Protein backbone atom coordinates (compact mmCIF):
# COMPACT_ATOMS: atom_id res chain seq x y z
CA MET A 1 1.73 -30.20 16.01
CA GLU A 2 1.41 -34.10 15.79
CA ALA A 3 -1.65 -35.85 16.54
CA ALA A 4 -1.84 -39.20 17.39
CA ARG A 5 -4.18 -41.22 14.69
CA ASP A 6 -6.15 -44.27 15.09
CA LYS A 7 -7.91 -44.39 12.11
CA GLY A 8 -7.79 -43.36 8.60
CA GLN A 9 -4.95 -43.28 6.64
CA PRO A 10 -1.65 -41.21 7.97
CA THR A 11 -1.32 -37.81 6.89
CA LYS A 12 0.45 -37.09 3.37
CA TYR A 13 1.56 -33.56 5.13
CA LYS A 14 5.34 -33.29 4.21
CA PRO A 15 7.13 -30.16 6.31
CA GLU A 16 8.69 -28.79 2.66
CA TYR A 17 5.13 -27.68 1.90
CA CYS A 18 5.52 -24.94 3.98
CA GLN A 19 7.74 -23.19 1.42
CA ALA A 20 6.09 -25.14 -1.38
CA ILE A 21 2.55 -23.09 -0.50
CA ILE A 22 4.41 -19.72 -0.14
CA ASP A 23 6.34 -20.24 -3.54
CA TRP A 24 3.00 -21.26 -5.11
CA PHE A 25 1.32 -17.96 -4.38
CA ASN A 26 4.31 -15.78 -4.85
CA VAL A 27 4.40 -15.29 -8.38
CA ASP A 28 3.64 -12.37 -10.80
CA PRO A 29 0.40 -12.16 -12.07
CA TRP A 30 1.96 -12.32 -15.53
CA GLU A 31 4.93 -13.15 -17.97
CA VAL A 32 6.48 -11.49 -21.24
CA VAL A 33 5.64 -13.58 -24.35
CA ASP A 34 8.00 -12.97 -26.95
CA ILE A 35 5.83 -13.06 -30.53
CA PRO A 36 7.72 -13.31 -33.85
CA HIS A 37 6.30 -10.89 -36.93
CA GLU A 38 7.35 -12.69 -40.30
CA SER A 39 7.16 -11.32 -43.59
CA LYS A 40 3.97 -12.32 -45.60
CA HIS A 41 6.46 -12.42 -48.71
CA PRO A 42 9.09 -14.75 -49.19
CA VAL A 43 12.34 -12.78 -49.07
CA MET A 44 15.54 -14.01 -51.29
CA VAL A 45 18.52 -14.14 -49.05
CA GLU A 46 22.25 -15.62 -50.30
CA ASP A 47 22.64 -18.82 -48.26
CA PRO A 48 26.92 -19.60 -47.51
CA ASP A 49 27.48 -21.21 -50.44
CA GLY A 50 26.29 -18.36 -52.24
CA ASP A 51 22.99 -19.61 -53.86
CA MET A 52 19.76 -17.56 -53.28
CA ILE A 53 16.83 -18.82 -51.44
CA ALA A 54 13.30 -17.84 -51.03
CA THR A 55 12.87 -17.73 -46.80
CA SER A 56 10.40 -15.77 -44.54
CA SER A 57 12.28 -13.22 -42.21
CA ILE A 58 11.33 -12.13 -39.41
CA LEU A 59 10.20 -8.01 -39.06
CA TYR A 60 10.63 -7.67 -35.66
CA VAL A 61 9.75 -9.44 -32.02
CA GLU A 62 6.43 -8.09 -30.06
CA HIS A 63 6.85 -8.72 -26.56
CA GLN A 64 3.35 -9.25 -24.75
CA ARG A 65 2.40 -9.40 -21.63
CA VAL A 66 0.27 -12.32 -20.93
CA TYR A 67 -1.71 -13.10 -17.57
CA LYS A 68 -0.96 -16.31 -15.42
CA ARG A 69 -3.41 -18.15 -14.14
CA LYS A 70 -4.30 -16.86 -9.90
CA PRO A 71 -2.95 -18.88 -8.19
CA SER A 72 -5.26 -20.77 -5.80
CA VAL A 73 -5.24 -23.62 -2.69
CA ILE A 74 -7.37 -26.30 -5.66
CA GLY A 75 -3.88 -25.44 -7.50
CA PHE A 76 -1.48 -26.14 -4.78
CA ALA A 77 -3.83 -29.01 -3.67
CA LYS A 78 -3.76 -30.51 -7.48
CA SER A 79 0.46 -29.90 -7.36
CA ILE A 80 1.10 -31.90 -4.48
CA SER A 81 -1.45 -34.57 -5.62
CA VAL A 82 -4.02 -33.96 -2.52
CA CYS A 83 -7.33 -32.75 -2.12
CA THR A 84 -8.27 -29.20 -1.32
CA LYS A 85 -9.79 -30.50 2.08
CA THR A 86 -6.82 -31.90 3.34
CA VAL A 87 -5.07 -28.89 2.67
CA TYR A 88 -7.78 -27.32 4.99
CA ASN A 89 -7.26 -30.11 7.56
CA TRP A 90 -3.96 -28.97 7.95
CA ILE A 91 -4.54 -25.73 8.91
CA ASP A 92 -7.33 -26.60 11.35
CA PRO A 93 -6.42 -26.56 15.04
CA SER A 94 -9.50 -28.96 15.54
CA HIS A 95 -8.36 -31.54 13.06
CA ASP A 96 -6.31 -34.69 13.69
CA SER A 97 -3.99 -33.54 10.94
CA TYR A 98 -3.43 -29.98 11.89
CA GLN A 99 0.06 -28.65 11.60
CA GLU A 100 0.59 -25.43 13.05
CA ASP A 101 4.25 -24.37 10.93
CA PHE A 102 1.97 -25.06 7.74
CA LEU A 103 -0.84 -22.56 8.73
CA ARG A 104 1.76 -19.80 9.27
CA ALA A 105 2.88 -20.54 5.69
CA PHE A 106 -0.69 -20.37 4.72
CA GLU A 107 -1.56 -17.52 6.11
CA GLU A 108 1.44 -15.94 4.78
CA ALA A 109 0.79 -17.48 1.06
CA LYS A 110 -2.26 -15.74 1.35
CA GLU A 111 -1.01 -12.47 1.94
CA PHE A 112 1.28 -13.27 -1.32
CA GLU A 113 -2.81 -13.51 -3.27
CA LYS A 114 -3.88 -9.84 -2.16
CA ALA A 115 -0.46 -8.56 -3.54
CA TRP A 116 -1.06 -11.01 -6.35
CA LEU A 117 -4.95 -9.39 -6.90
CA ASN A 118 -4.15 -5.72 -6.15
CA ASP A 119 -1.17 -6.22 -9.21
CA VAL A 120 -3.81 -7.26 -11.47
CA GLY A 121 -6.39 -4.74 -10.25
CA MET A 122 -4.04 -2.04 -10.36
CA SER A 123 -3.07 -2.94 -13.79
CA GLY A 124 -5.99 -1.75 -15.20
CA VAL A 125 -5.97 -5.05 -17.91
CA GLY A 126 -8.63 -6.67 -16.31
CA SER A 127 -12.33 -6.03 -15.48
CA ALA A 128 -12.51 -4.02 -11.69
CA ALA A 129 -15.23 -5.33 -11.02
CA TYR A 130 -14.43 -9.11 -11.20
CA VAL A 131 -11.26 -8.05 -9.21
CA LYS A 132 -12.97 -6.87 -6.59
CA PHE A 133 -15.15 -9.96 -6.55
CA LEU A 134 -12.23 -12.30 -6.12
CA ALA A 135 -10.53 -9.91 -3.24
CA VAL A 136 -13.96 -9.77 -1.26
CA ASN A 137 -14.73 -13.57 -1.89
CA CYS A 138 -11.29 -15.21 -1.88
CA THR A 139 -9.17 -13.29 0.99
CA ASP A 140 -9.80 -11.26 4.12
CA MET A 141 -10.25 -8.07 2.14
CA ALA A 142 -13.91 -6.67 2.22
CA ASP A 143 -15.93 -3.35 1.26
CA LYS A 144 -17.00 -1.97 4.75
CA SER A 145 -19.67 0.53 5.62
CA GLU A 146 -19.22 2.34 8.76
CA LEU A 147 -22.44 3.06 10.56
CA ASP A 148 -23.11 4.93 13.60
CA HIS A 149 -25.10 2.36 16.38
CA ASN A 150 -25.06 4.90 19.05
CA VAL A 151 -28.60 5.02 18.69
CA SER A 152 -30.72 3.30 21.70
CA SER A 153 -34.10 3.92 20.87
CA ILE A 154 -36.72 5.49 18.58
CA THR A 155 -36.69 8.58 21.42
CA ASP A 156 -33.13 9.36 20.04
CA ILE A 157 -34.08 8.78 16.60
CA LEU A 158 -36.64 11.31 16.60
CA ALA A 159 -34.83 13.31 18.98
CA ILE A 160 -31.71 13.40 16.06
CA MET A 161 -34.74 14.02 13.38
CA SER A 162 -35.96 16.92 15.07
CA GLY A 163 -32.72 18.09 15.82
CA SER A 164 -32.91 18.16 20.01
CA LYS A 165 -30.01 17.06 21.98
CA ASN A 166 -31.14 15.03 25.04
CA GLY A 167 -33.89 13.72 23.07
CA SER A 168 -36.52 15.35 25.14
CA ASN A 169 -39.35 17.00 23.27
CA SER A 170 -40.88 18.97 25.80
CA ALA A 171 -41.75 22.59 24.49
CA LYS A 172 -39.85 25.02 26.15
CA THR A 173 -42.15 28.12 28.63
CA ASP A 174 -41.55 31.09 28.76
CA ALA A 175 -42.00 32.50 32.68
């Protein structure tokens, strides 16, 4: 949706930002880095001319998983040289610079954010409490407790507590 702009600068929005935000959030939470481990003592080796020279040698290469920074709206905004508020304006239907296609892409990107958090949380490497904090505060995921709100009065509460079904506290009389 393109709205007429009577004041201020024209939007910095570009249609390619739809794919860019999806790509920004659709990343693995870690990468594998090769760490070479060298000998602590020089090793004598023969060079191509037949001379013996001292050198360090690689004993083995360790493959270590290193966590990447969590993708965020702030990081995406910085990558395209706009402020975070601008990105949120593009997904706000009441704002002049609202972009419907970008809103759909933003929603898809946020699903990738949830997948990233699930991957980190399920790996067991990070702090479970912090992953939960991020999930609840940075996504639409939430802790939910089911409460029974079908009690309409204090009489119902007293009836439930006393074990009476109909809420009546009348005593039975023998005929």
